[in-house]
């Protein structure tokens, strides 16, 4: 079986949320710890987390502080986090990576497992919820240099993924919501 890494993007300042979402707590567990656990429990290895806003505070919560990568230019948007994370993963033996976002508490282990099933160096897969593309996204190693070269602003790999004939949408509506948390009122009750 191919080695599939986990890459958690958790660098944002959470301006609409009122602070970094990585530090938000749901059911007694910080979002960053929850998301890392989901990736690890799904079998992703190694798992890396990209930090930016409040990096020191978020790093202090990590079970493995050495798994953190700081995107120095995180304020320019998600593209900076994706670039930093994929560059860091180049030094690993991973053939693919599951890119997960810290503000998706409705995405659990089974979603990650389903989207990552059979992943390899050529994989381009994305979770879908009721037919709507969402996260996580699985990116085969073959594509990392292309994605790094094109990732900018707050789009991450959105433009790169758009219209790709090899993109495999994986329906996960039966396993989770895929809804992101933008504001405190978006937190699950």
N, C-alpha and C. Protein backbone atom coordinates (compact mmCIF):
# COMPACT_ATOMS: atom_id res chain seq x y z
N UNK A 1 0.83 -1.19 0.00
CA UNK A 1 0.00 0.00 0.00
C UNK A 1 0.88 1.25 0.00
N UNK A 2 0.46 2.25 -0.76
CA UNK A 2 1.21 3.49 -0.87
C UNK A 2 1.20 4.27 0.45
N UNK A 3 2.28 4.97 0.70
CA UNK A 3 2.35 5.84 1.86
C UNK A 3 1.61 7.13 1.53
N UNK A 4 0.59 7.43 2.32
CA UNK A 4 -0.22 8.63 2.12
C UNK A 4 -0.04 9.53 3.33
N UNK A 5 0.51 10.71 3.11
CA UNK A 5 0.73 11.67 4.18
C UNK A 5 -0.56 12.41 4.49
N UNK A 6 -0.58 13.06 5.62
CA UNK A 6 -1.67 13.96 5.97
C UNK A 6 -1.11 15.36 6.06
N UNK A 7 -1.80 16.31 5.46
CA UNK A 7 -1.36 17.71 5.50
C UNK A 7 -2.54 18.56 5.98
N UNK A 8 -2.39 19.12 7.16
CA UNK A 8 -3.44 19.94 7.75
C UNK A 8 -3.08 21.41 7.60
N UNK A 9 -3.97 22.16 6.96
CA UNK A 9 -3.76 23.59 6.80
C UNK A 9 -4.48 24.30 7.94
N UNK A 10 -3.69 24.96 8.80
CA UNK A 10 -4.22 25.56 10.03
C UNK A 10 -3.56 26.90 10.33
N UNK A 11 -3.24 27.67 9.30
CA UNK A 11 -2.47 28.90 9.48
C UNK A 11 -3.30 30.16 9.62
N UNK A 12 -4.56 30.13 9.25
CA UNK A 12 -5.37 31.35 9.18
C UNK A 12 -5.61 32.04 10.51
N UNK A 13 -5.87 33.33 10.41
CA UNK A 13 -6.13 34.16 11.59
C UNK A 13 -7.58 34.08 12.03
N UNK A 14 -8.46 33.57 11.18
CA UNK A 14 -9.87 33.44 11.54
C UNK A 14 -10.53 34.78 11.84
N UNK A 15 -10.33 35.73 10.96
CA UNK A 15 -10.86 37.08 11.20
C UNK A 15 -12.37 37.10 11.42
N UNK A 16 -13.13 36.38 10.59
CA UNK A 16 -14.58 36.33 10.75
C UNK A 16 -14.97 35.52 11.99
N UNK A 17 -14.10 34.62 12.39
CA UNK A 17 -14.37 33.76 13.54
C UNK A 17 -14.04 34.47 14.86
N UNK A 18 -13.14 35.43 14.79
CA UNK A 18 -12.73 36.14 16.00
C UNK A 18 -11.44 35.62 16.59
N UNK A 19 -10.68 34.87 15.81
CA UNK A 19 -9.39 34.32 16.25
C UNK A 19 -9.08 33.07 15.46
N UNK A 20 -7.85 32.58 15.55
CA UNK A 20 -7.45 31.39 14.79
C UNK A 20 -8.35 30.19 15.09
N UNK A 21 -8.91 29.60 14.03
CA UNK A 21 -9.81 28.47 14.20
C UNK A 21 -9.08 27.24 14.72
N UNK A 22 -7.78 27.18 14.52
CA UNK A 22 -7.00 26.05 15.05
C UNK A 22 -7.15 25.96 16.56
N UNK A 23 -7.38 27.10 17.22
CA UNK A 23 -7.50 27.15 18.68
C UNK A 23 -8.94 26.96 19.17
N UNK A 24 -9.91 26.96 18.26
CA UNK A 24 -11.31 26.77 18.65
C UNK A 24 -11.47 25.39 19.29
N UNK A 25 -12.40 25.28 20.22
CA UNK A 25 -12.61 24.04 20.95
C UNK A 25 -14.03 23.53 20.71
N UNK A 26 -14.12 22.24 20.43
CA UNK A 26 -15.41 21.57 20.26
C UNK A 26 -15.37 20.28 21.07
N UNK A 27 -16.33 20.10 21.93
CA UNK A 27 -16.38 18.91 22.80
C UNK A 27 -15.08 18.73 23.57
N UNK A 28 -14.51 19.84 24.04
CA UNK A 28 -13.31 19.80 24.86
C UNK A 28 -12.01 19.58 24.11
N UNK A 29 -12.05 19.56 22.78
CA UNK A 29 -10.86 19.27 21.98
C UNK A 29 -10.61 20.41 20.99
N UNK A 30 -9.40 20.98 21.00
CA UNK A 30 -9.08 22.03 20.02
C UNK A 30 -9.19 21.49 18.59
N UNK A 31 -9.69 22.36 17.69
CA UNK A 31 -9.85 21.96 16.29
C UNK A 31 -8.57 21.34 15.72
N UNK A 32 -7.41 21.95 16.02
CA UNK A 32 -6.16 21.45 15.44
C UNK A 32 -5.86 20.03 15.91
N UNK A 33 -6.10 19.75 17.18
CA UNK A 33 -5.85 18.41 17.72
C UNK A 33 -6.85 17.41 17.11
N UNK A 34 -8.10 17.82 17.00
CA UNK A 34 -9.14 16.98 16.42
C UNK A 34 -8.80 16.59 14.98
N UNK A 35 -8.43 17.58 14.17
CA UNK A 35 -8.13 17.33 12.75
C UNK A 35 -6.89 16.45 12.59
N UNK A 36 -5.87 16.67 13.41
CA UNK A 36 -4.67 15.82 13.34
C UNK A 36 -5.00 14.38 13.72
N UNK A 37 -5.84 14.22 14.73
CA UNK A 37 -6.26 12.89 15.15
C UNK A 37 -7.01 12.18 14.02
N UNK A 38 -7.89 12.90 13.34
CA UNK A 38 -8.65 12.32 12.22
C UNK A 38 -7.69 11.81 11.15
N UNK A 39 -6.70 12.62 10.78
CA UNK A 39 -5.74 12.21 9.76
C UNK A 39 -4.94 10.99 10.21
N UNK A 40 -4.44 11.02 11.44
CA UNK A 40 -3.64 9.90 11.94
C UNK A 40 -4.47 8.62 12.06
N UNK A 41 -5.70 8.76 12.59
CA UNK A 41 -6.56 7.58 12.75
C UNK A 41 -6.97 6.99 11.41
N UNK A 42 -6.96 7.81 10.36
CA UNK A 42 -7.29 7.31 9.02
C UNK A 42 -6.10 6.61 8.36
N UNK A 43 -4.94 6.63 9.03
CA UNK A 43 -3.77 5.94 8.51
C UNK A 43 -2.78 6.82 7.78
N UNK A 44 -2.99 8.12 7.78
CA UNK A 44 -2.05 9.02 7.12
C UNK A 44 -0.75 9.08 7.91
N UNK A 45 0.36 8.99 7.19
CA UNK A 45 1.68 9.08 7.82
C UNK A 45 2.70 9.44 6.76
N UNK A 46 3.55 10.40 7.04
CA UNK A 46 3.54 11.26 8.22
C UNK A 46 2.40 12.27 8.14
N UNK A 47 2.12 12.91 9.28
CA UNK A 47 1.12 13.98 9.33
C UNK A 47 1.84 15.27 9.68
N UNK A 48 1.58 16.29 8.89
CA UNK A 48 2.18 17.61 9.10
C UNK A 48 1.07 18.65 9.19
N UNK A 49 1.32 19.70 9.96
CA UNK A 49 0.36 20.79 10.11
C UNK A 49 1.06 22.10 9.78
N UNK A 50 0.42 22.91 8.96
CA UNK A 50 0.98 24.21 8.57
C UNK A 50 0.37 25.28 9.46
N UNK A 51 1.24 26.02 10.13
CA UNK A 51 0.82 27.06 11.06
C UNK A 51 1.17 28.44 10.54
N UNK A 52 0.54 29.44 11.10
CA UNK A 52 0.80 30.83 10.74
C UNK A 52 0.41 31.72 11.91
N UNK A 53 -0.86 32.15 11.93
CA UNK A 53 -1.36 32.99 13.02
C UNK A 53 -1.24 32.23 14.34
N UNK A 54 -0.76 32.91 15.36
CA UNK A 54 -0.62 32.31 16.70
C UNK A 54 0.12 30.98 16.66
N UNK A 55 1.15 30.90 15.83
CA UNK A 55 1.88 29.63 15.63
C UNK A 55 2.39 29.04 16.93
N UNK A 56 2.94 29.86 17.81
CA UNK A 56 3.47 29.35 19.07
C UNK A 56 2.39 28.74 19.94
N UNK A 57 1.25 29.41 20.01
CA UNK A 57 0.13 28.94 20.83
C UNK A 57 -0.45 27.63 20.26
N UNK A 58 -0.56 27.56 18.95
CA UNK A 58 -1.09 26.35 18.32
C UNK A 58 -0.09 25.20 18.46
N UNK A 59 1.19 25.49 18.24
CA UNK A 59 2.23 24.44 18.35
C UNK A 59 2.22 23.81 19.75
N UNK A 60 1.95 24.62 20.76
CA UNK A 60 1.93 24.11 22.14
C UNK A 60 0.83 23.07 22.35
N UNK A 61 -0.19 23.06 21.52
CA UNK A 61 -1.29 22.09 21.63
C UNK A 61 -1.00 20.77 20.92
N UNK A 62 0.00 20.77 20.05
CA UNK A 62 0.23 19.60 19.20
C UNK A 62 0.81 18.43 19.97
N UNK A 63 0.31 17.22 19.71
CA UNK A 63 0.88 16.03 20.33
C UNK A 63 2.34 15.84 19.92
N UNK A 64 2.67 16.24 18.69
CA UNK A 64 4.05 16.17 18.18
C UNK A 64 4.42 17.53 17.61
N UNK A 65 4.98 18.43 18.45
CA UNK A 65 5.30 19.78 17.98
C UNK A 65 6.21 19.79 16.75
N UNK A 66 7.00 18.74 16.55
CA UNK A 66 7.89 18.64 15.40
C UNK A 66 7.15 18.45 14.08
N UNK A 67 5.85 18.17 14.16
CA UNK A 67 5.07 17.98 12.93
C UNK A 67 4.66 19.31 12.32
N UNK A 68 4.97 20.42 13.00
CA UNK A 68 4.53 21.74 12.54
C UNK A 68 5.50 22.35 11.53
N UNK A 69 4.90 23.02 10.56
CA UNK A 69 5.63 23.80 9.55
C UNK A 69 5.02 25.20 9.64
N UNK A 70 5.85 26.21 9.72
CA UNK A 70 5.31 27.57 9.76
C UNK A 70 5.43 28.17 8.36
N UNK A 71 4.30 28.62 7.84
CA UNK A 71 4.28 29.31 6.54
C UNK A 71 4.51 30.79 6.85
N UNK A 72 5.72 31.25 6.59
CA UNK A 72 6.07 32.63 6.93
C UNK A 72 5.17 33.64 6.24
N UNK A 73 4.71 33.32 5.04
CA UNK A 73 3.85 34.23 4.29
C UNK A 73 2.38 33.84 4.37
N UNK A 74 1.98 33.23 5.50
CA UNK A 74 0.63 32.73 5.68
C UNK A 74 -0.44 33.79 5.45
N UNK A 75 -0.14 35.05 5.73
CA UNK A 75 -1.14 36.11 5.60
C UNK A 75 -1.58 36.32 4.15
N UNK A 76 -0.80 35.81 3.19
CA UNK A 76 -1.17 35.98 1.78
C UNK A 76 -2.28 35.01 1.36
N UNK A 77 -2.61 34.04 2.21
CA UNK A 77 -3.72 33.14 1.92
C UNK A 77 -3.36 31.67 1.96
N UNK A 78 -4.37 30.84 1.69
CA UNK A 78 -4.22 29.39 1.76
C UNK A 78 -3.15 28.86 0.81
N UNK A 79 -2.93 29.55 -0.30
CA UNK A 79 -1.90 29.12 -1.25
C UNK A 79 -0.53 29.02 -0.59
N UNK A 80 -0.23 29.97 0.30
CA UNK A 80 1.06 29.96 1.00
C UNK A 80 1.18 28.73 1.89
N UNK A 81 0.10 28.38 2.57
CA UNK A 81 0.11 27.19 3.43
C UNK A 81 0.28 25.92 2.63
N UNK A 82 -0.43 25.83 1.51
CA UNK A 82 -0.33 24.65 0.67
C UNK A 82 1.08 24.50 0.11
N UNK A 83 1.66 25.60 -0.35
CA UNK A 83 3.04 25.56 -0.87
C UNK A 83 4.01 25.08 0.21
N UNK A 84 3.92 25.67 1.39
CA UNK A 84 4.84 25.31 2.49
C UNK A 84 4.68 23.84 2.87
N UNK A 85 3.44 23.38 2.94
CA UNK A 85 3.20 21.99 3.32
C UNK A 85 3.69 20.99 2.30
N UNK A 86 3.39 21.23 1.03
CA UNK A 86 3.84 20.30 -0.01
C UNK A 86 5.36 20.29 -0.13
N UNK A 87 5.99 21.45 0.00
CA UNK A 87 7.46 21.49 -0.04
C UNK A 87 8.05 20.67 1.10
N UNK A 88 7.46 20.77 2.29
CA UNK A 88 7.95 20.00 3.43
C UNK A 88 7.76 18.49 3.22
N UNK A 89 6.69 18.11 2.57
CA UNK A 89 6.43 16.69 2.34
C UNK A 89 7.34 16.08 1.27
N UNK A 90 7.97 16.92 0.46
CA UNK A 90 8.88 16.40 -0.56
C UNK A 90 10.00 15.58 0.05
N UNK A 91 10.36 15.88 1.29
CA UNK A 91 11.45 15.17 1.96
C UNK A 91 11.01 13.82 2.53
N UNK A 92 9.74 13.48 2.37
CA UNK A 92 9.22 12.21 2.89
C UNK A 92 9.09 11.21 1.75
N UNK A 93 8.74 9.98 2.08
CA UNK A 93 8.52 8.96 1.07
C UNK A 93 7.07 8.88 0.62
N UNK A 94 6.25 9.83 1.03
CA UNK A 94 4.82 9.78 0.70
C UNK A 94 4.59 9.85 -0.80
N UNK A 95 3.68 9.01 -1.29
CA UNK A 95 3.32 9.01 -2.71
C UNK A 95 2.14 9.93 -2.98
N UNK A 96 1.42 10.30 -1.91
CA UNK A 96 0.26 11.18 -2.03
C UNK A 96 0.05 11.83 -0.67
N UNK A 97 -0.78 12.87 -0.66
CA UNK A 97 -1.14 13.48 0.61
C UNK A 97 -2.62 13.82 0.63
N UNK A 98 -3.20 13.69 1.81
CA UNK A 98 -4.56 14.13 2.06
C UNK A 98 -4.44 15.55 2.60
N UNK A 99 -5.00 16.52 1.87
CA UNK A 99 -4.99 17.91 2.32
C UNK A 99 -6.32 18.16 3.03
N UNK A 100 -6.21 18.50 4.31
CA UNK A 100 -7.37 18.68 5.17
C UNK A 100 -7.33 20.10 5.73
N UNK A 101 -8.48 20.67 6.03
CA UNK A 101 -8.56 22.02 6.59
C UNK A 101 -8.99 21.95 8.05
N UNK A 102 -8.40 22.81 8.87
CA UNK A 102 -8.64 22.76 10.31
C UNK A 102 -10.07 23.11 10.70
N UNK A 103 -10.79 23.81 9.83
CA UNK A 103 -12.13 24.29 10.21
C UNK A 103 -13.27 23.41 9.71
N UNK A 104 -13.00 22.10 9.62
CA UNK A 104 -14.01 21.15 9.15
C UNK A 104 -14.28 20.06 10.20
N UNK A 105 -14.89 20.44 11.34
CA UNK A 105 -15.09 19.45 12.40
C UNK A 105 -16.05 18.32 12.01
N UNK A 106 -16.83 18.50 10.94
CA UNK A 106 -17.75 17.45 10.50
C UNK A 106 -17.11 16.41 9.60
N UNK A 107 -15.81 16.56 9.34
CA UNK A 107 -15.08 15.58 8.53
C UNK A 107 -14.35 14.65 9.48
N UNK A 108 -14.75 13.39 9.46
CA UNK A 108 -14.15 12.42 10.36
C UNK A 108 -13.23 11.44 9.65
N UNK A 109 -12.75 10.51 10.43
CA UNK A 109 -11.79 9.50 9.96
C UNK A 109 -12.29 8.74 8.74
N UNK A 110 -13.56 8.36 8.74
CA UNK A 110 -14.09 7.55 7.64
C UNK A 110 -14.11 8.32 6.32
N UNK A 111 -14.34 9.63 6.39
CA UNK A 111 -14.29 10.46 5.17
C UNK A 111 -12.87 10.42 4.61
N UNK A 112 -11.88 10.64 5.46
CA UNK A 112 -10.49 10.64 5.00
C UNK A 112 -10.12 9.27 4.42
N UNK A 113 -10.50 8.21 5.11
CA UNK A 113 -10.21 6.86 4.60
C UNK A 113 -10.81 6.63 3.21
N UNK A 114 -12.06 7.05 3.05
CA UNK A 114 -12.74 6.81 1.78
C UNK A 114 -12.08 7.59 0.65
N UNK A 115 -11.76 8.85 0.88
CA UNK A 115 -11.18 9.68 -0.18
C UNK A 115 -9.76 9.21 -0.51
N UNK A 116 -9.04 8.74 0.50
CA UNK A 116 -7.64 8.33 0.30
C UNK A 116 -7.49 6.89 -0.19
N UNK A 117 -8.56 6.13 -0.22
CA UNK A 117 -8.47 4.71 -0.61
C UNK A 117 -7.82 4.57 -1.99
N UNK A 118 -6.80 3.75 -2.04
CA UNK A 118 -6.11 3.47 -3.30
C UNK A 118 -5.25 4.60 -3.82
N UNK A 119 -4.96 5.59 -3.00
CA UNK A 119 -4.18 6.75 -3.46
C UNK A 119 -2.76 6.35 -3.83
N UNK A 120 -2.24 7.03 -4.84
CA UNK A 120 -0.88 6.83 -5.30
C UNK A 120 -0.35 8.11 -5.91
N UNK A 121 0.78 8.02 -6.56
CA UNK A 121 1.46 9.23 -7.05
C UNK A 121 0.70 10.01 -8.12
N UNK A 122 -0.25 9.39 -8.79
CA UNK A 122 -1.03 10.07 -9.83
C UNK A 122 -2.43 10.50 -9.39
N UNK A 123 -2.78 10.24 -8.15
CA UNK A 123 -4.14 10.48 -7.67
C UNK A 123 -4.50 11.96 -7.63
N UNK A 124 -5.72 12.24 -8.04
CA UNK A 124 -6.37 13.53 -7.85
C UNK A 124 -7.80 13.19 -7.42
N UNK A 125 -8.08 13.32 -6.12
CA UNK A 125 -9.39 12.95 -5.60
C UNK A 125 -9.89 14.02 -4.64
N UNK A 126 -11.20 14.10 -4.53
CA UNK A 126 -11.78 15.14 -3.70
C UNK A 126 -13.09 14.64 -3.11
N UNK A 127 -13.28 14.91 -1.83
CA UNK A 127 -14.55 14.56 -1.20
C UNK A 127 -15.65 15.43 -1.80
N UNK A 128 -16.85 14.85 -1.88
CA UNK A 128 -18.03 15.59 -2.30
C UNK A 128 -19.14 15.30 -1.30
N UNK A 129 -19.97 16.30 -1.07
CA UNK A 129 -21.08 16.17 -0.15
C UNK A 129 -22.34 16.53 -0.92
N UNK A 130 -23.18 15.53 -1.15
CA UNK A 130 -24.39 15.71 -1.95
C UNK A 130 -24.04 16.31 -3.32
N UNK A 131 -22.95 15.80 -3.90
CA UNK A 131 -22.52 16.22 -5.23
C UNK A 131 -21.69 17.49 -5.30
N UNK A 132 -21.52 18.17 -4.17
CA UNK A 132 -20.77 19.43 -4.15
C UNK A 132 -19.33 19.15 -3.71
N UNK A 133 -18.34 19.49 -4.55
CA UNK A 133 -16.94 19.24 -4.19
C UNK A 133 -16.55 19.97 -2.90
N UNK A 134 -15.77 19.28 -2.08
CA UNK A 134 -15.33 19.84 -0.81
C UNK A 134 -13.96 19.32 -0.42
N UNK A 135 -13.75 19.15 0.88
CA UNK A 135 -12.48 18.66 1.42
C UNK A 135 -12.76 17.44 2.27
N UNK A 136 -11.77 16.60 2.44
CA UNK A 136 -10.38 16.74 2.02
C UNK A 136 -10.16 16.45 0.54
N UNK A 137 -8.95 16.80 0.11
CA UNK A 137 -8.50 16.58 -1.26
C UNK A 137 -7.26 15.70 -1.18
N UNK A 138 -7.14 14.74 -2.10
CA UNK A 138 -5.95 13.89 -2.15
C UNK A 138 -5.17 14.25 -3.41
N UNK A 139 -3.88 14.55 -3.21
CA UNK A 139 -3.01 14.96 -4.31
C UNK A 139 -1.82 14.03 -4.40
N UNK A 140 -1.69 13.37 -5.55
CA UNK A 140 -0.55 12.49 -5.78
C UNK A 140 0.74 13.28 -5.93
N UNK A 141 1.83 12.69 -5.51
CA UNK A 141 3.14 13.35 -5.51
C UNK A 141 3.52 13.90 -6.88
N UNK A 142 3.12 13.22 -7.94
CA UNK A 142 3.45 13.66 -9.30
C UNK A 142 3.03 15.11 -9.53
N UNK A 143 1.95 15.54 -8.89
CA UNK A 143 1.37 16.85 -9.14
C UNK A 143 1.88 17.95 -8.21
N UNK A 144 2.61 17.59 -7.16
CA UNK A 144 3.01 18.59 -6.16
C UNK A 144 3.77 19.77 -6.75
N UNK A 145 4.77 19.55 -7.63
CA UNK A 145 5.49 20.72 -8.18
C UNK A 145 4.57 21.67 -8.95
N UNK A 146 3.65 21.13 -9.73
CA UNK A 146 2.69 21.95 -10.47
C UNK A 146 1.81 22.76 -9.53
N UNK A 147 1.35 22.11 -8.47
CA UNK A 147 0.47 22.77 -7.52
C UNK A 147 1.22 23.86 -6.77
N UNK A 148 2.44 23.56 -6.33
CA UNK A 148 3.26 24.56 -5.63
C UNK A 148 3.48 25.77 -6.53
N UNK A 149 3.74 25.53 -7.80
CA UNK A 149 4.00 26.63 -8.74
C UNK A 149 2.77 27.52 -8.95
N UNK A 150 1.59 26.94 -8.83
CA UNK A 150 0.37 27.70 -9.12
C UNK A 150 -0.44 28.15 -7.92
N UNK A 151 -0.10 27.67 -6.72
CA UNK A 151 -0.89 28.01 -5.54
C UNK A 151 -0.61 29.44 -5.10
N UNK A 152 -1.66 30.24 -5.08
CA UNK A 152 -1.49 31.63 -4.64
C UNK A 152 -2.78 32.13 -4.01
N UNK A 153 -2.68 33.22 -3.30
CA UNK A 153 -3.84 33.82 -2.68
C UNK A 153 -4.58 32.85 -1.79
N UNK A 154 -5.89 33.00 -1.74
CA UNK A 154 -6.70 32.18 -0.84
C UNK A 154 -7.38 31.02 -1.56
N UNK A 155 -6.89 30.68 -2.75
CA UNK A 155 -7.52 29.62 -3.53
C UNK A 155 -6.88 28.26 -3.33
N UNK A 156 -5.68 28.19 -2.79
CA UNK A 156 -5.04 26.90 -2.65
C UNK A 156 -4.88 26.25 -4.01
N UNK A 157 -5.44 25.04 -4.16
CA UNK A 157 -5.36 24.31 -5.43
C UNK A 157 -6.67 24.38 -6.21
N UNK A 158 -7.58 25.25 -5.83
CA UNK A 158 -8.91 25.31 -6.46
C UNK A 158 -8.81 25.46 -7.97
N UNK A 159 -8.03 26.42 -8.45
CA UNK A 159 -7.91 26.62 -9.89
C UNK A 159 -7.27 25.43 -10.58
N UNK A 160 -6.29 24.83 -9.94
CA UNK A 160 -5.60 23.66 -10.50
C UNK A 160 -6.57 22.49 -10.63
N UNK A 161 -7.45 22.33 -9.66
CA UNK A 161 -8.41 21.22 -9.68
C UNK A 161 -9.54 21.43 -10.68
N UNK A 162 -9.87 22.68 -10.95
CA UNK A 162 -11.04 23.00 -11.78
C UNK A 162 -10.92 22.39 -13.18
N UNK A 163 -11.93 21.61 -13.55
CA UNK A 163 -12.00 21.07 -14.90
C UNK A 163 -11.06 19.92 -15.21
N UNK A 164 -10.38 19.38 -14.21
CA UNK A 164 -9.46 18.26 -14.47
C UNK A 164 -10.26 17.00 -14.80
N UNK A 165 -9.97 16.37 -15.95
CA UNK A 165 -10.69 15.15 -16.31
C UNK A 165 -10.32 13.97 -15.42
N UNK A 166 -9.15 14.04 -14.75
CA UNK A 166 -8.72 12.93 -13.89
C UNK A 166 -9.15 13.10 -12.44
N UNK A 167 -9.88 14.17 -12.13
CA UNK A 167 -10.36 14.37 -10.76
C UNK A 167 -11.46 13.36 -10.44
N UNK A 168 -11.24 12.62 -9.36
CA UNK A 168 -12.22 11.63 -8.90
C UNK A 168 -12.97 12.22 -7.71
N UNK A 169 -14.26 12.50 -7.90
CA UNK A 169 -15.10 12.97 -6.79
C UNK A 169 -15.56 11.76 -6.01
N UNK A 170 -15.40 11.81 -4.70
CA UNK A 170 -15.75 10.69 -3.83
C UNK A 170 -16.88 11.15 -2.92
N UNK A 171 -18.07 10.62 -3.14
CA UNK A 171 -19.23 11.04 -2.35
C UNK A 171 -19.09 10.60 -0.90
N UNK A 172 -19.24 11.57 0.02
CA UNK A 172 -19.07 11.31 1.45
C UNK A 172 -20.23 11.85 2.28
N UNK A 173 -21.31 12.21 1.61
CA UNK A 173 -22.47 12.79 2.30
C UNK A 173 -23.00 11.88 3.40
N UNK A 174 -22.84 10.58 3.23
CA UNK A 174 -23.33 9.63 4.23
C UNK A 174 -22.42 9.56 5.46
N UNK A 175 -21.23 10.19 5.38
CA UNK A 175 -20.26 10.09 6.47
C UNK A 175 -20.02 11.39 7.23
N UNK A 176 -20.33 12.52 6.61
CA UNK A 176 -20.05 13.79 7.26
C UNK A 176 -20.71 14.92 6.51
N UNK A 177 -20.49 16.13 7.03
CA UNK A 177 -21.15 17.29 6.42
C UNK A 177 -20.24 18.05 5.48
N UNK A 178 -18.97 18.14 5.81
CA UNK A 178 -18.05 18.92 4.98
C UNK A 178 -18.22 20.41 5.14
N UNK A 179 -19.11 20.85 6.06
CA UNK A 179 -19.33 22.28 6.27
C UNK A 179 -18.17 22.88 7.05
N UNK A 180 -17.67 24.03 6.57
CA UNK A 180 -16.62 24.70 7.31
C UNK A 180 -17.23 25.63 8.35
N UNK A 181 -16.42 25.97 9.32
CA UNK A 181 -16.83 26.87 10.39
C UNK A 181 -16.17 28.21 10.12
N UNK A 182 -16.97 29.18 9.68
CA UNK A 182 -16.44 30.52 9.40
C UNK A 182 -16.65 31.48 10.57
N UNK A 183 -17.76 31.29 11.27
CA UNK A 183 -18.10 32.17 12.40
C UNK A 183 -18.43 31.30 13.61
N UNK A 184 -18.37 31.88 14.76
CA UNK A 184 -18.64 31.10 15.99
C UNK A 184 -20.04 30.47 15.94
N UNK A 185 -21.01 31.16 15.33
CA UNK A 185 -22.37 30.60 15.27
C UNK A 185 -22.46 29.38 14.34
N UNK A 186 -21.40 29.12 13.56
CA UNK A 186 -21.36 27.93 12.69
C UNK A 186 -20.95 26.66 13.44
N UNK A 187 -20.49 26.83 14.68
CA UNK A 187 -20.06 25.66 15.45
C UNK A 187 -21.23 24.71 15.66
N UNK A 188 -20.98 23.40 15.52
CA UNK A 188 -22.06 22.42 15.77
C UNK A 188 -22.57 22.57 17.21
N UNK A 189 -23.89 22.46 17.36
CA UNK A 189 -24.55 22.62 18.65
C UNK A 189 -24.21 21.52 19.56
